[in-house]
Amino acid sequence: MYDPPGYLSAITLAGVIAIPAATCAVLYAGAVRAGLGRGRATLLTAGAAVVLGGWFSASAVIASVLVRRKFTDWH
């Protein structure tokens, strides 16, 4: 079985965290510049963070189930 080095997991996790963080930061800045105000911009950014977090979590669960199904006799 392949045992990847630890830094590979760190790089992967950093990418998964950085993409939604950058998206939320840009979304917040754009909302403030558009004149929505800080409160509404924060609400919009929080909603985007929840949606992106749910999307990544659901993708990870689906991938885990499919990998487990492929490498075991679990049907």
N, C-alpha and C. Protein backbone atom coordinates (compact mmCIF):
# COMPACT_ATOMS: atom_id res chain seq x y z
N MET A 1 0.84 -1.17 0.00
CA MET A 1 0.00 0.00 0.00
C MET A 1 0.89 1.24 0.00
N TYR A 2 0.46 2.27 -0.67
CA TYR A 2 1.24 3.49 -0.82
C TYR A 2 1.06 4.37 0.41
N ASP A 3 2.15 4.83 0.98
CA ASP A 3 2.13 5.72 2.14
C ASP A 3 2.75 7.05 1.72
N PRO A 4 1.92 8.03 1.34
CA PRO A 4 2.48 9.30 0.86
C PRO A 4 3.11 10.09 2.01
N PRO A 5 4.04 10.98 1.66
CA PRO A 5 4.66 11.81 2.71
C PRO A 5 3.64 12.76 3.33
N GLY A 6 3.93 13.19 4.54
CA GLY A 6 3.00 14.04 5.29
C GLY A 6 2.75 15.39 4.66
N TYR A 7 3.77 15.94 3.97
CA TYR A 7 3.58 17.26 3.38
C TYR A 7 2.56 17.23 2.25
N LEU A 8 2.32 16.08 1.65
CA LEU A 8 1.33 15.99 0.59
C LEU A 8 -0.08 16.25 1.14
N SER A 9 -0.35 15.73 2.31
CA SER A 9 -1.64 16.00 2.96
C SER A 9 -1.77 17.47 3.33
N ALA A 10 -0.67 18.07 3.78
CA ALA A 10 -0.70 19.48 4.16
C ALA A 10 -0.96 20.37 2.94
N ILE A 11 -0.34 20.05 1.82
CA ILE A 11 -0.55 20.82 0.60
C ILE A 11 -2.00 20.70 0.14
N THR A 12 -2.53 19.50 0.17
CA THR A 12 -3.91 19.27 -0.24
C THR A 12 -4.88 20.03 0.66
N LEU A 13 -4.67 19.93 1.96
CA LEU A 13 -5.55 20.61 2.90
C LEU A 13 -5.46 22.13 2.76
N ALA A 14 -4.26 22.63 2.52
CA ALA A 14 -4.09 24.09 2.33
C ALA A 14 -4.86 24.56 1.11
N GLY A 15 -4.85 23.80 0.05
CA GLY A 15 -5.61 24.17 -1.15
C GLY A 15 -7.10 24.15 -0.91
N VAL A 16 -7.56 23.14 -0.19
CA VAL A 16 -9.00 23.03 0.10
C VAL A 16 -9.46 24.17 0.99
N ILE A 17 -8.61 24.66 1.87
CA ILE A 17 -8.97 25.78 2.74
C ILE A 17 -8.80 27.12 2.02
N ALA A 18 -7.75 27.24 1.21
CA ALA A 18 -7.45 28.53 0.58
C ALA A 18 -8.46 28.93 -0.50
N ILE A 19 -8.97 27.98 -1.25
CA ILE A 19 -9.90 28.31 -2.33
C ILE A 19 -11.18 28.96 -1.79
N PRO A 20 -11.89 28.34 -0.83
CA PRO A 20 -13.08 29.03 -0.32
C PRO A 20 -12.75 30.29 0.48
N ALA A 21 -11.60 30.33 1.16
CA ALA A 21 -11.23 31.53 1.91
C ALA A 21 -11.01 32.71 0.97
N ALA A 22 -10.30 32.46 -0.12
CA ALA A 22 -10.08 33.53 -1.10
C ALA A 22 -11.38 33.95 -1.76
N THR A 23 -12.24 32.98 -2.04
CA THR A 23 -13.54 33.29 -2.64
C THR A 23 -14.37 34.17 -1.72
N CYS A 24 -14.40 33.83 -0.45
CA CYS A 24 -15.18 34.62 0.52
C CYS A 24 -14.58 36.01 0.71
N ALA A 25 -13.25 36.12 0.71
CA ALA A 25 -12.62 37.43 0.87
C ALA A 25 -12.95 38.34 -0.31
N VAL A 26 -12.87 37.80 -1.51
CA VAL A 26 -13.18 38.60 -2.70
C VAL A 26 -14.67 38.94 -2.74
N LEU A 27 -15.51 38.01 -2.34
CA LEU A 27 -16.95 38.26 -2.32
C LEU A 27 -17.29 39.36 -1.31
N TYR A 28 -16.65 39.34 -0.15
CA TYR A 28 -16.88 40.37 0.87
C TYR A 28 -16.44 41.75 0.36
N ALA A 29 -15.24 41.80 -0.22
CA ALA A 29 -14.73 43.08 -0.73
C ALA A 29 -15.63 43.62 -1.84
N GLY A 30 -16.09 42.75 -2.70
CA GLY A 30 -16.98 43.19 -3.77
C GLY A 30 -18.31 43.68 -3.25
N ALA A 31 -18.84 43.03 -2.23
CA ALA A 31 -20.11 43.46 -1.66
C ALA A 31 -19.98 44.80 -0.97
N VAL A 32 -18.87 45.02 -0.27
CA VAL A 32 -18.66 46.31 0.38
C VAL A 32 -18.50 47.42 -0.66
N ARG A 33 -17.75 47.14 -1.71
CA ARG A 33 -17.58 48.14 -2.77
C ARG A 33 -18.87 48.43 -3.53
N ALA A 34 -19.75 47.44 -3.58
CA ALA A 34 -21.02 47.64 -4.26
C ALA A 34 -22.00 48.44 -3.41
N GLY A 35 -21.64 48.72 -2.16
CA GLY A 35 -22.48 49.55 -1.33
C GLY A 35 -23.50 48.78 -0.50
N LEU A 36 -23.28 47.50 -0.29
CA LEU A 36 -24.22 46.73 0.52
C LEU A 36 -24.07 46.98 2.01
N GLY A 37 -22.97 47.53 2.42
CA GLY A 37 -22.71 47.75 3.84
C GLY A 37 -22.00 46.54 4.43
N ARG A 38 -21.36 46.76 5.57
CA ARG A 38 -20.56 45.69 6.16
C ARG A 38 -21.41 44.55 6.69
N GLY A 39 -22.57 44.86 7.24
CA GLY A 39 -23.43 43.82 7.80
C GLY A 39 -23.95 42.86 6.73
N ARG A 40 -24.48 43.42 5.67
CA ARG A 40 -25.01 42.58 4.59
C ARG A 40 -23.89 41.85 3.86
N ALA A 41 -22.72 42.49 3.74
CA ALA A 41 -21.57 41.83 3.11
C ALA A 41 -21.11 40.64 3.95
N THR A 42 -21.12 40.81 5.27
CA THR A 42 -20.75 39.72 6.16
C THR A 42 -21.75 38.58 6.05
N LEU A 43 -23.02 38.90 6.00
CA LEU A 43 -24.05 37.87 5.86
C LEU A 43 -23.90 37.11 4.54
N LEU A 44 -23.64 37.83 3.47
CA LEU A 44 -23.43 37.21 2.17
C LEU A 44 -22.20 36.31 2.19
N THR A 45 -21.13 36.77 2.80
CA THR A 45 -19.90 35.99 2.88
C THR A 45 -20.10 34.75 3.74
N ALA A 46 -20.79 34.88 4.85
CA ALA A 46 -21.05 33.73 5.71
C ALA A 46 -21.90 32.69 4.98
N GLY A 47 -22.88 33.14 4.24
CA GLY A 47 -23.69 32.21 3.46
C GLY A 47 -22.87 31.48 2.42
N ALA A 48 -21.98 32.20 1.76
CA ALA A 48 -21.10 31.56 0.76
C ALA A 48 -20.17 30.56 1.43
N ALA A 49 -19.66 30.89 2.61
CA ALA A 49 -18.77 29.98 3.33
C ALA A 49 -19.50 28.69 3.72
N VAL A 50 -20.74 28.82 4.15
CA VAL A 50 -21.52 27.63 4.51
C VAL A 50 -21.78 26.75 3.29
N VAL A 51 -22.14 27.38 2.18
CA VAL A 51 -22.41 26.62 0.95
C VAL A 51 -21.14 25.92 0.46
N LEU A 52 -20.03 26.64 0.41
CA LEU A 52 -18.78 26.02 -0.05
C LEU A 52 -18.31 24.92 0.90
N GLY A 53 -18.43 25.15 2.20
CA GLY A 53 -18.05 24.12 3.17
C GLY A 53 -18.90 22.88 3.05
N GLY A 54 -20.20 23.07 2.84
CA GLY A 54 -21.09 21.92 2.63
C GLY A 54 -20.78 21.18 1.36
N TRP A 55 -20.45 21.93 0.32
CA TRP A 55 -20.11 21.31 -0.96
C TRP A 55 -18.85 20.46 -0.84
N PHE A 56 -17.80 21.00 -0.22
CA PHE A 56 -16.56 20.24 -0.05
C PHE A 56 -16.78 19.05 0.87
N SER A 57 -17.57 19.21 1.92
CA SER A 57 -17.84 18.10 2.84
C SER A 57 -18.61 16.99 2.15
N ALA A 58 -19.63 17.35 1.40
CA ALA A 58 -20.41 16.34 0.68
C ALA A 58 -19.55 15.63 -0.36
N SER A 59 -18.69 16.36 -1.04
CA SER A 59 -17.79 15.75 -2.02
C SER A 59 -16.85 14.76 -1.36
N ALA A 60 -16.33 15.11 -0.19
CA ALA A 60 -15.42 14.21 0.53
C ALA A 60 -16.14 12.95 1.00
N VAL A 61 -17.37 13.08 1.47
CA VAL A 61 -18.12 11.91 1.92
C VAL A 61 -18.44 11.00 0.75
N ILE A 62 -18.87 11.57 -0.36
CA ILE A 62 -19.19 10.76 -1.55
C ILE A 62 -17.94 10.05 -2.05
N ALA A 63 -16.81 10.74 -2.12
CA ALA A 63 -15.57 10.12 -2.57
C ALA A 63 -15.15 9.00 -1.62
N SER A 64 -15.29 9.21 -0.33
CA SER A 64 -14.93 8.19 0.64
C SER A 64 -15.78 6.93 0.48
N VAL A 65 -17.07 7.12 0.28
CA VAL A 65 -17.96 5.97 0.10
C VAL A 65 -17.62 5.22 -1.18
N LEU A 66 -17.35 5.95 -2.25
CA LEU A 66 -17.04 5.29 -3.51
C LEU A 66 -15.71 4.55 -3.46
N VAL A 67 -14.71 5.11 -2.77
CA VAL A 67 -13.43 4.42 -2.63
C VAL A 67 -13.60 3.17 -1.78
N ARG A 68 -14.34 3.28 -0.70
CA ARG A 68 -14.58 2.12 0.16
C ARG A 68 -15.31 1.03 -0.60
N ARG A 69 -16.27 1.42 -1.41
CA ARG A 69 -17.04 0.44 -2.18
C ARG A 69 -16.15 -0.24 -3.22
N LYS A 70 -15.22 0.48 -3.79
CA LYS A 70 -14.35 -0.09 -4.82
C LYS A 70 -13.35 -1.08 -4.24
N PHE A 71 -12.76 -0.78 -3.08
CA PHE A 71 -11.69 -1.60 -2.55
C PHE A 71 -12.15 -2.63 -1.51
N THR A 72 -13.41 -2.76 -1.28
CA THR A 72 -13.92 -3.79 -0.38
C THR A 72 -15.06 -4.53 -1.08
N ASP A 73 -15.56 -5.54 -0.42
CA ASP A 73 -16.70 -6.28 -0.95
C ASP A 73 -18.02 -5.71 -0.47
N TRP A 74 -18.00 -4.48 0.01
CA TRP A 74 -19.21 -3.84 0.55
C TRP A 74 -20.07 -3.36 -0.59
N HIS A 75 -21.32 -3.81 -0.65
CA HIS A 75 -22.22 -3.40 -1.74
C HIS A 75 -23.46 -2.79 -1.19
